Amino acid sequence: MIGVVETPTPNSRRGRSIEQLTATVSASRIGCWQQCRLKFYFRYVLSIPKRAKAPPYIGKVVHFILQAWNMARWRGQTFQTDLAKELFERNWRERQARLAINWDGKEEEQRDNTWTMLQTYFAETPIKANERPEGVEVPMEADLPGGLPKLVGIIDLVRAGGRIVDFKTSGKTPDAEKAEHLHEIQLACYSTLYRDATGERESGLELHHLVKLKTPKIVVTSLPPMTDHQQGRLFRSIASYVDGLARRDFVPSPGIHCSSCEYFNNCRLWTGKE
């Protein structure tokens, strides 16, 4: 059984050196690097504070409640919905006290919709109430071959039998094929971490999307274990990340994602020099 721990509270983030950023690597850093290298520079090298937005905030609250649900099952406890609602309300308030989110007058509506989405998940989840997890929010690390940096990460949930689950919140229904492609690097990271920690091959992977529509729904995408081909793509992506950082290759990648980027104004002021 994998050790189960609570997620640590992060310290105030400060800029990191190239040496620090290449000593370890994570799925989130690779994802940011692949999306836009200038965004990576603003976020991880300069550590410019991000403007608080509703979707990421909602995602963190949802993950917190799902973690509590999974921990209760790991401990063999009954997950009581009324107590979960109190925990949800308290976490919603406490997280927001540290942020300045512009709800545009729709905070109450967003809060109620988020709770309804969670209720839908608890009613429709494929995970049985008596299924004890192998691990919940498990921090892991793995030494990689070929001189690559150490891989680090936290897996949301490892179901009984070694099935890795990652929770997502979304504003639209995901397409299974596109979801697999979009999250391939992240899932390959988790598979690599799991195999290194346990010496075993995961039995499969699952993406659990909680979709925030007028009538919320749950979409579960089940995937087979990571293939050698997928792990090869992961290692090549990490090597590209290391090479790019060594060259300080921080260039923008304009695209549709720019419209929601927290560093849009910083990018517009970029002169081509660091």
C-alpha atoms as a PDB file:
ATOM      1  CA  MET A   1       0.000   0.000   0.000  1.00  0.00           C
ATOM      2  CA  ILE A   2       1.210   3.483  -0.847  1.00  0.00           C
ATOM      3  CA  GLY A   3       1.671   5.827   2.081  1.00  0.00           C
ATOM      4  CA  VAL A   4      -1.163   8.340   2.397  1.00  0.00           C
ATOM      5  CA  VAL A   5      -0.451  11.909   3.466  1.00  0.00           C
ATOM      6  CA  GLU A   6      -2.212  15.238   3.496  1.00  0.00           C
ATOM      7  CA  THR A   7      -1.173  17.758   0.855  1.00  0.00           C
ATOM      8  CA  PRO A   8       1.307  20.240   2.407  1.00  0.00           C
ATOM      9  CA  THR A   9       0.484  23.912   2.381  1.00  0.00           C
ATOM     10  CA  PRO A  10       2.893  25.649  -0.014  1.00  0.00           C
ATOM     11  CA  ASN A  11       5.084  28.490   1.136  1.00  0.00           C
ATOM     12  CA  SER A  12       5.032  31.850  -0.550  1.00  0.00           C
ATOM     13  CA  ARG A  13       6.497  31.239  -3.973  1.00  0.00           C
ATOM     14  CA  ARG A  14       9.697  32.962  -4.993  1.00  0.00           C
ATOM     15  CA  GLY A  15      11.476  33.001  -8.307  1.00  0.00           C
ATOM     16  CA  ARG A  16      13.650  29.978  -9.040  1.00  0.00           C
ATOM     17  CA  SER A  17      16.979  29.668 -10.776  1.00  0.00           C
ATOM     18  CA  ILE A  18      17.510  27.607 -13.928  1.00  0.00           C
ATOM     19  CA  GLU A  19      19.492  25.140 -11.805  1.00  0.00           C
ATOM     20  CA  GLN A  20      16.550  24.674  -9.440  1.00  0.00           C
ATOM     21  CA  LEU A  21      14.086  24.271 -12.298  1.00  0.00           C
ATOM     22  CA  THR A  22      16.200  21.560 -13.933  1.00  0.00           C
ATOM     23  CA  ALA A  23      16.978  19.675 -10.713  1.00  0.00           C
ATOM     24  CA  THR A  24      13.405  18.370 -10.711  1.00  0.00           C
ATOM     25  CA  VAL A  25      10.522  18.404 -13.168  1.00  0.00           C
ATOM     26  CA  SER A  26       6.757  18.023 -12.788  1.00  0.00           C
ATOM     27  CA  ALA A  27       3.754  17.542 -15.054  1.00  0.00           C
ATOM     28  CA  SER A  28       2.516  21.075 -14.389  1.00  0.00           C
ATOM     29  CA  ARG A  29       5.847  22.641 -15.323  1.00  0.00           C
ATOM     30  CA  ILE A  30       6.147  20.602 -18.510  1.00  0.00           C
ATOM     31  CA  GLY A  31       2.574  21.546 -19.427  1.00  0.00           C
ATOM     32  CA  CYS A  32       3.228  25.248 -18.920  1.00  0.00           C
ATOM     33  CA  TRP A  33       6.506  25.018 -20.862  1.00  0.00           C
ATOM     34  CA  GLN A  34       4.786  23.336 -23.804  1.00  0.00           C
ATOM     35  CA  GLN A  35       1.940  25.867 -23.834  1.00  0.00           C
ATOM     36  CA  CYS A  36       4.121  29.002 -23.776  1.00  0.00           C
ATOM     37  CA  ARG A  37       7.733  29.401 -22.736  1.00  0.00           C
ATOM     38  CA  LEU A  38       7.327  33.085 -21.944  1.00  0.00           C
ATOM     39  CA  LYS A  39       4.423  32.240 -19.646  1.00  0.00           C
ATOM     40  CA  PHE A  40       6.718  29.705 -17.968  1.00  0.00           C
ATOM     41  CA  TYR A  41       9.312  32.439 -17.487  1.00  0.00           C
ATOM     42  CA  PHE A  42       6.795  34.806 -15.865  1.00  0.00           C
ATOM     43  CA  ARG A  43       5.337  32.080 -13.647  1.00  0.00           C
ATOM     44  CA  TYR A  44       8.340  30.042 -12.529  1.00  0.00           C
ATOM     45  CA  VAL A  45      11.468  32.175 -13.057  1.00  0.00           C
ATOM     46  CA  LEU A  46      10.149  35.622 -12.141  1.00  0.00           C
ATOM     47  CA  SER A  47       7.246  34.217 -10.076  1.00  0.00           C
ATOM     48  CA  ILE A  48       4.957  37.132 -10.955  1.00  0.00           C
ATOM     49  CA  PRO A  49       1.815  36.793  -8.794  1.00  0.00           C
ATOM     50  CA  LYS A  50      -1.192  35.462 -10.685  1.00  0.00           C
ATOM     51  CA  ARG A  51      -4.493  37.299 -10.728  1.00  0.00           C
ATOM     52  CA  ALA A  52      -7.066  35.206  -8.870  1.00  0.00           C
ATOM     53  CA  LYS A  53      -9.751  33.798 -11.170  1.00  0.00           C
ATOM     54  CA  ALA A  54     -12.939  31.914 -10.431  1.00  0.00           C
ATOM     55  CA  PRO A  55     -12.325  28.643 -12.400  1.00  0.00           C
ATOM     56  CA  PRO A  56      -9.002  27.693 -10.719  1.00  0.00           C
ATOM     57  CA  TYR A  57     -10.447  28.690  -7.354  1.00  0.00           C
ATOM     58  CA  ILE A  58     -13.479  26.453  -7.890  1.00  0.00           C
ATOM     59  CA  GLY A  59     -11.194  23.619  -9.000  1.00  0.00           C
ATOM     60  CA  LYS A  60      -9.174  23.839  -5.781  1.00  0.00           C
ATOM     61  CA  VAL A  61     -12.300  23.737  -3.607  1.00  0.00           C
ATOM     62  CA  VAL A  62     -13.616  20.729  -5.544  1.00  0.00           C
ATOM     63  CA  HIS A  63     -10.292  18.903  -5.154  1.00  0.00           C
ATOM     64  CA  PHE A  64     -10.283  19.642  -1.424  1.00  0.00           C
ATOM     65  CA  ILE A  65     -13.722  18.065  -0.931  1.00  0.00           C
ATOM     66  CA  LEU A  66     -12.878  15.056  -3.099  1.00  0.00           C
ATOM     67  CA  GLN A  67      -9.701  14.568  -1.088  1.00  0.00           C
ATOM     68  CA  ALA A  68     -11.778  14.554   2.120  1.00  0.00           C
ATOM     69  CA  TRP A  69     -14.148  12.004   0.538  1.00  0.00           C
ATOM     70  CA  ASN A  70     -11.279   9.750  -0.496  1.00  0.00           C
ATOM     71  CA  MET A  71      -9.551  10.048   2.877  1.00  0.00           C
ATOM     72  CA  ALA A  72     -12.767   9.051   4.651  1.00  0.00           C
ATOM     73  CA  ARG A  73     -12.978   5.864   2.573  1.00  0.00           C
ATOM     74  CA  TRP A  74      -9.291   5.128   3.176  1.00  0.00           C
ATOM     75  CA  ARG A  75      -9.922   5.392   6.935  1.00  0.00           C
ATOM     76  CA  GLY A  76     -13.028   3.226   6.691  1.00  0.00           C
ATOM     77  CA  GLN A  77     -15.288   6.103   7.748  1.00  0.00           C
ATOM     78  CA  THR A  78     -18.721   7.035   6.442  1.00  0.00           C
ATOM     79  CA  PHE A  79     -18.694  10.199   4.370  1.00  0.00           C
ATOM     80  CA  GLN A  80     -21.619  12.251   5.623  1.00  0.00           C
ATOM     81  CA  THR A  81     -23.068  14.675   3.079  1.00  0.00           C
ATOM     82  CA  ASP A  82     -24.272  17.208   5.667  1.00  0.00           C
ATOM     83  CA  LEU A  83     -20.806  17.449   7.210  1.00  0.00           C
ATOM     84  CA  ALA A  84     -19.277  17.631   3.735  1.00  0.00           C
ATOM     85  CA  LYS A  85     -21.503  20.615   2.956  1.00  0.00           C
ATOM     86  CA  GLU A  86     -20.259  22.387   6.089  1.00  0.00           C
ATOM     87  CA  LEU A  87     -16.665  21.601   5.099  1.00  0.00           C
ATOM     88  CA  PHE A  88     -17.365  22.913   1.593  1.00  0.00           C
ATOM     89  CA  GLU A  89     -18.840  26.193   2.864  1.00  0.00           C
ATOM     90  CA  ARG A  90     -15.964  26.742   5.291  1.00  0.00           C
ATOM     91  CA  ASN A  91     -13.272  25.989   2.707  1.00  0.00           C
ATOM     92  CA  TRP A  92     -14.994  28.260   0.184  1.00  0.00           C
ATOM     93  CA  ARG A  93     -14.867  31.150   2.674  1.00  0.00           C
ATOM     94  CA  GLU A  94     -11.350  30.518   3.979  1.00  0.00           C
ATOM     95  CA  ARG A  95      -9.719  30.227   0.557  1.00  0.00           C
ATOM     96  CA  GLN A  96     -11.418  33.366  -0.646  1.00  0.00           C
ATOM     97  CA  ALA A  97     -10.196  35.371   2.344  1.00  0.00           C
ATOM     98  CA  ARG A  98      -6.667  35.138   0.880  1.00  0.00           C
ATOM     99  CA  LEU A  99      -7.733  36.144  -2.634  1.00  0.00           C
ATOM    100  CA  ALA A 100      -9.487  38.970  -4.457  1.00  0.00           C
ATOM    101  CA  ILE A 101     -11.805  37.294  -6.960  1.00  0.00           C
ATOM    102  CA  ASN A 102     -14.131  39.355  -9.098  1.00  0.00           C
ATOM    103  CA  TRP A 103     -17.325  37.281  -9.099  1.00  0.00           C
ATOM    104  CA  ASP A 104     -19.246  39.905 -11.078  1.00  0.00           C
ATOM    105  CA  GLY A 105     -22.142  39.536  -8.658  1.00  0.00           C
ATOM    106  CA  LYS A 106     -22.413  35.766  -9.230  1.00  0.00           C
ATOM    107  CA  GLU A 107     -20.572  34.304  -6.255  1.00  0.00           C
ATOM    108  CA  GLU A 108     -23.663  32.746  -4.662  1.00  0.00           C
ATOM    109  CA  GLU A 109     -24.695  31.213  -7.984  1.00  0.00           C
ATOM    110  CA  GLN A 110     -21.190  29.860  -8.598  1.00  0.00           C
ATOM    111  CA  ARG A 111     -20.988  28.430  -5.078  1.00  0.00           C
ATOM    112  CA  ASP A 112     -24.365  26.693  -5.351  1.00  0.00           C
ATOM    113  CA  ASN A 113     -23.525  25.306  -8.803  1.00  0.00           C
ATOM    114  CA  THR A 114     -20.208  23.969  -7.512  1.00  0.00           C
ATOM    115  CA  TRP A 115     -21.888  22.150  -4.641  1.00  0.00           C
ATOM    116  CA  THR A 116     -24.501  20.717  -7.021  1.00  0.00           C
ATOM    117  CA  MET A 117     -21.659  19.481  -9.221  1.00  0.00           C
ATOM    118  CA  LEU A 118     -20.096  17.709  -6.237  1.00  0.00           C
ATOM    119  CA  GLN A 119     -23.431  16.173  -5.273  1.00  0.00           C
ATOM    120  CA  THR A 120     -23.764  14.878  -8.829  1.00  0.00           C
ATOM    121  CA  TYR A 121     -20.325  13.303  -8.590  1.00  0.00           C
ATOM    122  CA  PHE A 122     -21.109  11.551  -5.309  1.00  0.00           C
ATOM    123  CA  ALA A 123     -24.340  10.197  -6.817  1.00  0.00           C
ATOM    124  CA  GLU A 124     -22.853   9.041 -10.120  1.00  0.00           C
ATOM    125  CA  THR A 125     -19.230   8.159  -9.345  1.00  0.00           C
ATOM    126  CA  PRO A 126     -18.147   4.682 -10.482  1.00  0.00           C
ATOM    127  CA  ILE A 127     -16.209   4.307  -7.215  1.00  0.00           C
ATOM    128  CA  LYS A 128     -18.155   2.298  -4.633  1.00  0.00           C
ATOM    129  CA  ALA A 129     -18.490   3.650  -1.104  1.00  0.00           C
ATOM    130  CA  ASN A 130     -16.729   0.590   0.365  1.00  0.00           C
ATOM    131  CA  GLU A 131     -13.769   0.638  -2.042  1.00  0.00           C
ATOM    132  CA  ARG A 132     -10.673   1.522  -0.049  1.00  0.00           C
ATOM    133  CA  PRO A 133      -8.079   3.564  -1.975  1.00  0.00           C
ATOM    134  CA  GLU A 134      -4.437   2.580  -2.184  1.00  0.00           C
ATOM    135  CA  GLY A 135      -3.396   6.216  -1.909  1.00  0.00           C
ATOM    136  CA  VAL A 136      -4.834   9.729  -1.636  1.00  0.00           C
ATOM    137  CA  GLU A 137      -2.942  12.886  -2.654  1.00  0.00           C
ATOM    138  CA  VAL A 138       0.335  10.988  -2.575  1.00  0.00           C
ATOM    139  CA  PRO A 139       3.568  12.970  -3.136  1.00  0.00           C
ATOM    140  CA  MET A 140       6.032  10.866  -5.168  1.00  0.00           C
ATOM    141  CA  GLU A 141       9.367  11.210  -6.892  1.00  0.00           C
ATOM    142  CA  ALA A 142      11.278   9.080  -9.378  1.00  0.00           C
ATOM    143  CA  ASP A 143      14.823   9.049 -10.743  1.00  0.00           C
ATOM    144  CA  LEU A 144      14.724   9.039 -14.535  1.00  0.00           C
ATOM    145  CA  PRO A 145      17.246   7.487 -16.961  1.00  0.00           C
ATOM    146  CA  GLY A 146      19.612   9.267 -19.299  1.00  0.00           C
ATOM    147  CA  GLY A 147      20.583  12.077 -16.946  1.00  0.00           C
ATOM    148  CA  LEU A 148      17.080  13.538 -16.888  1.00  0.00           C
ATOM    149  CA  PRO A 149      15.993  15.487 -13.777  1.00  0.00           C
ATOM    150  CA  LYS A 150      14.110  13.875 -10.919  1.00  0.00           C
ATOM    151  CA  LEU A 151      10.377  13.622 -11.610  1.00  0.00           C
ATOM    152  CA  VAL A 152       8.081  14.825  -8.807  1.00  0.00           C
ATOM    153  CA  GLY A 153       4.319  14.961  -8.490  1.00  0.00           C
ATOM    154  CA  ILE A 154       1.188  14.346  -6.431  1.00  0.00           C
ATOM    155  CA  ILE A 155      -1.407  11.802  -7.578  1.00  0.00           C
ATOM    156  CA  ASP A 156      -5.029  12.655  -6.728  1.00  0.00           C
ATOM    157  CA  LEU A 157      -6.148   9.074  -6.131  1.00  0.00           C
ATOM    158  CA  VAL A 158      -4.919   5.518  -6.588  1.00  0.00           C
ATOM    159  CA  ARG A 159      -7.892   3.167  -6.590  1.00  0.00           C
ATOM    160  CA  ALA A 160      -7.780  -0.409  -5.364  1.00  0.00           C
ATOM    161  CA  GLY A 161      -5.802  -2.548  -7.761  1.00  0.00           C
ATOM    162  CA  GLY A 162      -3.480   0.278  -8.834  1.00  0.00           C
ATOM    163  CA  ARG A 163      -5.856   2.344 -10.972  1.00  0.00           C
ATOM    164  CA  ILE A 164      -4.710   5.981 -11.130  1.00  0.00           C
ATOM    165  CA  VAL A 165      -7.398   8.690 -11.066  1.00  0.00           C
ATOM    166  CA  ASP A 166      -7.043  12.384 -11.817  1.00  0.00           C
ATOM    167  CA  PHE A 167      -9.922  14.777 -11.096  1.00  0.00           C
ATOM    168  CA  LYS A 168     -10.738  17.639 -13.463  1.00  0.00           C
ATOM    169  CA  THR A 169     -13.323  20.419 -13.467  1.00  0.00           C
ATOM    170  CA  SER A 170     -14.555  21.704 -16.810  1.00  0.00           C
ATOM    171  CA  GLY A 171     -17.066  24.115 -18.259  1.00  0.00           C
ATOM    172  CA  LYS A 172     -17.831  21.880 -21.229  1.00  0.00           C
ATOM    173  CA  THR A 173     -18.161  18.180 -21.960  1.00  0.00           C
ATOM    174  CA  PRO A 174     -14.742  16.689 -22.805  1.00  0.00           C
ATOM    175  CA  ASP A 175     -14.119  14.574 -25.887  1.00  0.00           C
ATOM    176  CA  ALA A 176     -12.475  11.290 -24.841  1.00  0.00           C
ATOM    177  CA  GLU A 177      -9.819  11.225 -27.569  1.00  0.00           C
ATOM    178  CA  LYS A 178      -8.888  14.875 -27.127  1.00  0.00           C
ATOM    179  CA  ALA A 179      -8.840  14.509 -23.336  1.00  0.00           C
ATOM    180  CA  GLU A 180      -6.432  11.577 -23.622  1.00  0.00           C
ATOM    181  CA  HIS A 181      -4.146  13.585 -25.896  1.00  0.00           C
ATOM    182  CA  LEU A 182      -4.343  16.792 -23.851  1.00  0.00           C
ATOM    183  CA  HIS A 183      -3.480  15.045 -20.582  1.00  0.00           C
ATOM    184  CA  GLU A 184      -1.073  12.408 -21.915  1.00  0.00           C
ATOM    185  CA  ILE A 185       2.055  13.985 -20.407  1.00  0.00           C
ATOM    186  CA  GLN A 186       0.428  14.380 -16.987  1.00  0.00           C
ATOM    187  CA  LEU A 187      -0.871  10.809 -16.914  1.00  0.00           C
ATOM    188  CA  ALA A 188       2.475   9.450 -18.145  1.00  0.00           C
ATOM    189  CA  CYS A 189       4.145  11.303 -15.278  1.00  0.00           C
ATOM    190  CA  TYR A 190       1.774   9.669 -12.795  1.00  0.00           C
ATOM    191  CA  SER A 191       2.301   6.208 -14.278  1.00  0.00           C
ATOM    192  CA  THR A 192       6.078   6.645 -14.111  1.00  0.00           C
ATOM    193  CA  LEU A 193       5.881   7.818 -10.496  1.00  0.00           C
ATOM    194  CA  TYR A 194       3.581   4.950  -9.516  1.00  0.00           C
ATOM    195  CA  ARG A 195       5.791   2.307 -11.118  1.00  0.00           C
ATOM    196  CA  ASP A 196       8.914   3.688  -9.472  1.00  0.00           C
ATOM    197  CA  ALA A 197       7.256   3.815  -6.024  1.00  0.00           C
ATOM    198  CA  THR A 198       5.620   0.390  -6.114  1.00  0.00           C
ATOM    199  CA  GLY A 199       7.671  -1.634  -8.553  1.00  0.00           C
ATOM    200  CA  GLU A 200       4.391  -2.547 -10.234  1.00  0.00           C
ATOM    201  CA  ARG A 201       2.566  -1.533 -13.396  1.00  0.00           C
ATOM    202  CA  GLU A 202      -0.636   0.484 -12.911  1.00  0.00           C
ATOM    203  CA  SER A 203      -3.790  -1.392 -13.927  1.00  0.00           C
ATOM    204  CA  GLY A 204      -5.165   1.631 -15.786  1.00  0.00           C
ATOM    205  CA  LEU A 205      -5.826   5.353 -15.719  1.00  0.00           C
ATOM    206  CA  GLU A 206      -9.001   7.400 -15.331  1.00  0.00           C
ATOM    207  CA  LEU A 207      -9.902  11.026 -15.922  1.00  0.00           C
ATOM    208  CA  HIS A 208     -12.921  12.049 -13.844  1.00  0.00           C
ATOM    209  CA  HIS A 209     -14.332  15.277 -15.286  1.00  0.00           C
ATOM    210  CA  LEU A 210     -16.850  17.177 -13.162  1.00  0.00           C
ATOM    211  CA  VAL A 211     -18.588  19.254 -15.815  1.00  0.00           C
ATOM    212  CA  LYS A 212     -20.155  22.510 -14.589  1.00  0.00           C
ATOM    213  CA  LEU A 213     -23.164  22.922 -16.866  1.00  0.00           C
ATOM    214  CA  LYS A 214     -26.662  24.149 -16.055  1.00  0.00           C
ATOM    215  CA  THR A 215     -27.323  20.503 -15.253  1.00  0.00           C
ATOM    216  CA  PRO A 216     -23.928  19.230 -14.015  1.00  0.00           C
ATOM    217  CA  LYS A 217     -22.673  15.867 -15.216  1.00  0.00           C
ATOM    218  CA  ILE A 218     -19.793  13.494 -14.696  1.00  0.00           C
ATOM    219  CA  VAL A 219     -17.638  12.165 -17.543  1.00  0.00           C
ATOM    220  CA  VAL A 220     -15.217   9.326 -16.787  1.00  0.00           C
ATOM    221  CA  THR A 221     -12.562   8.545 -19.400  1.00  0.00           C
ATOM    222  CA  SER A 222     -10.955   5.140 -18.808  1.00  0.00           C
ATOM    223  CA  LEU A 223      -7.539   4.523 -20.334  1.00  0.00           C
ATOM    224  CA  PRO A 224      -5.148   1.563 -20.448  1.00  0.00           C
ATOM    225  CA  PRO A 225      -1.763   1.562 -18.682  1.00  0.00           C
ATOM    226  CA  MET A 226       0.970   3.780 -20.094  1.00  0.00           C
ATOM    227  CA  THR A 227       2.688   2.299 -23.144  1.00  0.00           C
ATOM    228  CA  ASP A 228       6.426   2.358 -23.895  1.00  0.00           C
ATOM    229  CA  HIS A 229       5.596   4.752 -26.739  1.00  0.00           C
ATOM    230  CA  GLN A 230       3.930   7.190 -24.335  1.00  0.00           C
ATOM    231  CA  GLN A 231       6.773   7.004 -21.840  1.00  0.00           C
ATOM    232  CA  GLY A 232       9.238   7.660 -24.654  1.00  0.00           C
ATOM    233  CA  ARG A 233       7.273  10.785 -25.602  1.00  0.00           C
ATOM    234  CA  LEU A 234       7.371  11.895 -21.955  1.00  0.00           C
ATOM    235  CA  PHE A 235      11.137  11.460 -21.680  1.00  0.00           C
ATOM    236  CA  ARG A 236      11.710  13.306 -24.965  1.00  0.00           C
ATOM    237  CA  SER A 237       9.491  16.158 -23.754  1.00  0.00           C
ATOM    238  CA  ILE A 238      11.482  16.403 -20.524  1.00  0.00           C
ATOM    239  CA  ALA A 239      14.760  16.458 -22.464  1.00  0.00           C
ATOM    240  CA  SER A 240      13.386  19.308 -24.617  1.00  0.00           C
ATOM    241  CA  TYR A 241      12.393  21.169 -21.436  1.00  0.00           C
ATOM    242  CA  VAL A 242      15.918  20.832 -20.020  1.00  0.00           C
ATOM    243  CA  ASP A 243      17.561  21.910 -23.293  1.00  0.00           C
ATOM    244  CA  GLY A 244      15.272  24.925 -23.637  1.00  0.00           C
ATOM    245  CA  LEU A 245      15.913  26.091 -20.093  1.00  0.00           C
ATOM    246  CA  ALA A 246      19.662  25.800 -20.603  1.00  0.00           C
ATOM    247  CA  ARG A 247      19.336  28.126 -23.617  1.00  0.00           C
ATOM    248  CA  ARG A 248      16.929  30.406 -21.723  1.00  0.00           C
ATOM    249  CA  ASP A 249      14.585  29.944 -24.659  1.00  0.00           C
ATOM    250  CA  PHE A 250      11.744  32.034 -23.222  1.00  0.00           C
ATOM    251  CA  VAL A 251       9.710  32.991 -26.287  1.00  0.00           C
ATOM    252  CA  PRO A 252       5.922  33.498 -26.532  1.00  0.00           C
ATOM    253  CA  SER A 253       3.556  31.082 -28.267  1.00  0.00           C
ATOM    254  CA  PRO A 254       0.540  33.210 -29.299  1.00  0.00           C
ATOM    255  CA  GLY A 255      -2.718  31.317 -29.641  1.00  0.00           C
ATOM    256  CA  ILE A 256      -6.269  30.979 -28.405  1.00  0.00           C
ATOM    257  CA  HIS A 257      -4.984  30.365 -24.877  1.00  0.00           C
ATOM    258  CA  CYS A 258      -3.740  33.981 -24.709  1.00  0.00           C
ATOM    259  CA  SER A 259      -7.258  35.284 -24.065  1.00  0.00           C
ATOM    260  CA  SER A 260      -7.318  33.692 -20.602  1.00  0.00           C
ATOM    261  CA  CYS A 261      -3.622  34.039 -19.725  1.00  0.00           C
ATOM    262  CA  GLU A 262      -2.922  35.894 -16.486  1.00  0.00           C
ATOM    263  CA  TYR A 263       0.286  37.277 -18.020  1.00  0.00           C
ATOM    264  CA  PHE A 264      -1.284  38.801 -21.134  1.00  0.00           C
ATOM    265  CA  ASN A 265      -0.235  42.365 -20.260  1.00  0.00           C
ATOM    266  CA  ASN A 266       3.263  41.260 -19.244  1.00  0.00           C
ATOM    267  CA  CYS A 267       3.589  39.498 -22.591  1.00  0.00           C
ATOM    268  CA  ARG A 268       2.510  42.590 -24.535  1.00  0.00           C
ATOM    269  CA  LEU A 269       5.282  44.580 -22.826  1.00  0.00           C
ATOM    270  CA  TRP A 270       7.964  41.962 -23.551  1.00  0.00           C
ATOM    271  CA  THR A 271      10.757  43.430 -25.691  1.00  0.00           C
ATOM    272  CA  GLY A 272      12.489  40.200 -26.702  1.00  0.00           C
ATOM    273  CA  LYS A 273      14.922  40.460 -23.806  1.00  0.00           C
ATOM    274  CA  GLU A 274      14.613  38.984 -20.336  1.00  0.00           C
END
